[in-house]
Amino acid sequence: MIIKINGSELEISEEKDIYFGSKTSGQIFKKWYGLEENVKLGLEMIQNKAEALILESKELLSATKPD
């Protein structure tokens, strides 16, 4: 899963690698297996929220008339 917004990017490859990058914070690379359980849980929650937002966006865009 990749999330990009306003110059920041989060990439979560579950049970593999995590990448976060932004113009202001730089880059952070982590291995999934090296994370604490609470961090893994937090990242899984972010993934669930992102999936819900994507579905919500699809519904909004599907309901609009074509340009």
Protein backbone atom coordinates (compact mmCIF):
# COMPACT_ATOMS: atom_id res chain seq x y z
CA MET A 1 0.00 0.00 0.00
CA ILE A 2 1.26 3.46 -0.89
CA ILE A 3 -0.22 6.71 0.43
CA LYS A 4 0.95 10.04 -1.01
CA ILE A 5 -0.29 13.42 0.12
CA ASN A 6 1.10 16.94 0.20
CA GLY A 7 4.73 16.00 -0.31
CA SER A 8 4.73 13.01 2.05
CA GLU A 9 4.68 9.33 1.23
CA LEU A 10 4.05 6.17 3.25
CA GLU A 11 4.62 2.72 1.82
CA ILE A 12 3.67 -0.34 3.82
CA SER A 13 4.60 -3.74 2.49
CA GLU A 14 3.01 -5.84 5.21
CA GLU A 15 5.43 -8.20 6.89
CA LYS A 16 8.30 -6.81 4.78
CA ASP A 17 9.37 -3.16 4.63
CA ILE A 18 8.05 0.21 5.72
CA TYR A 19 9.07 3.49 4.09
CA PHE A 20 8.15 7.02 5.06
CA GLY A 21 9.45 10.07 3.25
CA SER A 22 8.75 13.77 3.26
CA LYS A 23 10.46 16.95 2.19
CA THR A 24 10.66 18.15 5.79
CA SER A 25 11.39 14.90 7.67
CA GLY A 26 13.56 13.07 5.18
CA GLN A 27 13.33 9.33 4.74
CA ILE A 28 12.72 6.53 7.22
CA PHE A 29 13.15 2.86 6.34
CA LYS A 30 12.10 0.06 8.72
CA LYS A 31 11.80 -3.71 8.53
CA TRP A 32 8.41 -5.11 9.54
CA TYR A 33 9.93 -7.87 11.67
CA GLY A 34 11.96 -5.32 13.65
CA LEU A 35 8.94 -3.27 14.76
CA GLU A 36 7.26 -3.50 18.15
CA GLU A 37 3.79 -5.05 18.18
CA ASN A 38 2.09 -1.75 19.03
CA VAL A 39 3.72 -0.11 15.99
CA LYS A 40 2.61 -2.99 13.75
CA LEU A 41 -0.92 -2.64 15.10
CA GLY A 42 -0.86 1.10 14.43
CA LEU A 43 0.31 0.55 10.86
CA GLU A 44 -2.41 -2.06 10.31
CA MET A 45 -4.96 0.48 11.56
CA ILE A 46 -3.61 3.04 9.09
CA GLN A 47 -4.01 0.51 6.29
CA ASN A 48 -7.62 -0.15 7.30
CA LYS A 49 -8.37 3.58 7.37
CA ALA A 50 -6.74 4.04 3.96
CA GLU A 51 -8.85 1.23 2.49
CA ALA A 52 -12.00 2.85 3.87
CA LEU A 53 -11.00 6.24 2.42
CA ILE A 54 -10.33 4.70 -0.97
CA LEU A 55 -13.77 3.06 -0.99
CA GLU A 56 -15.36 6.34 0.11
CA SER A 57 -13.54 8.20 -2.69
CA LYS A 58 -14.70 5.62 -5.22
CA GLU A 59 -18.31 6.08 -4.11
CA LEU A 60 -18.07 9.87 -4.33
CA LEU A 61 -16.48 9.80 -7.76
CA SER A 62 -18.86 7.16 -9.07
CA ALA A 63 -21.82 9.30 -8.05
CA THR A 64 -20.66 12.35 -10.04
CA LYS A 65 -21.51 13.02 -13.65
CA PRO A 66 -18.72 12.59 -16.21
CA ASP A 67 -16.87 15.73 -17.33
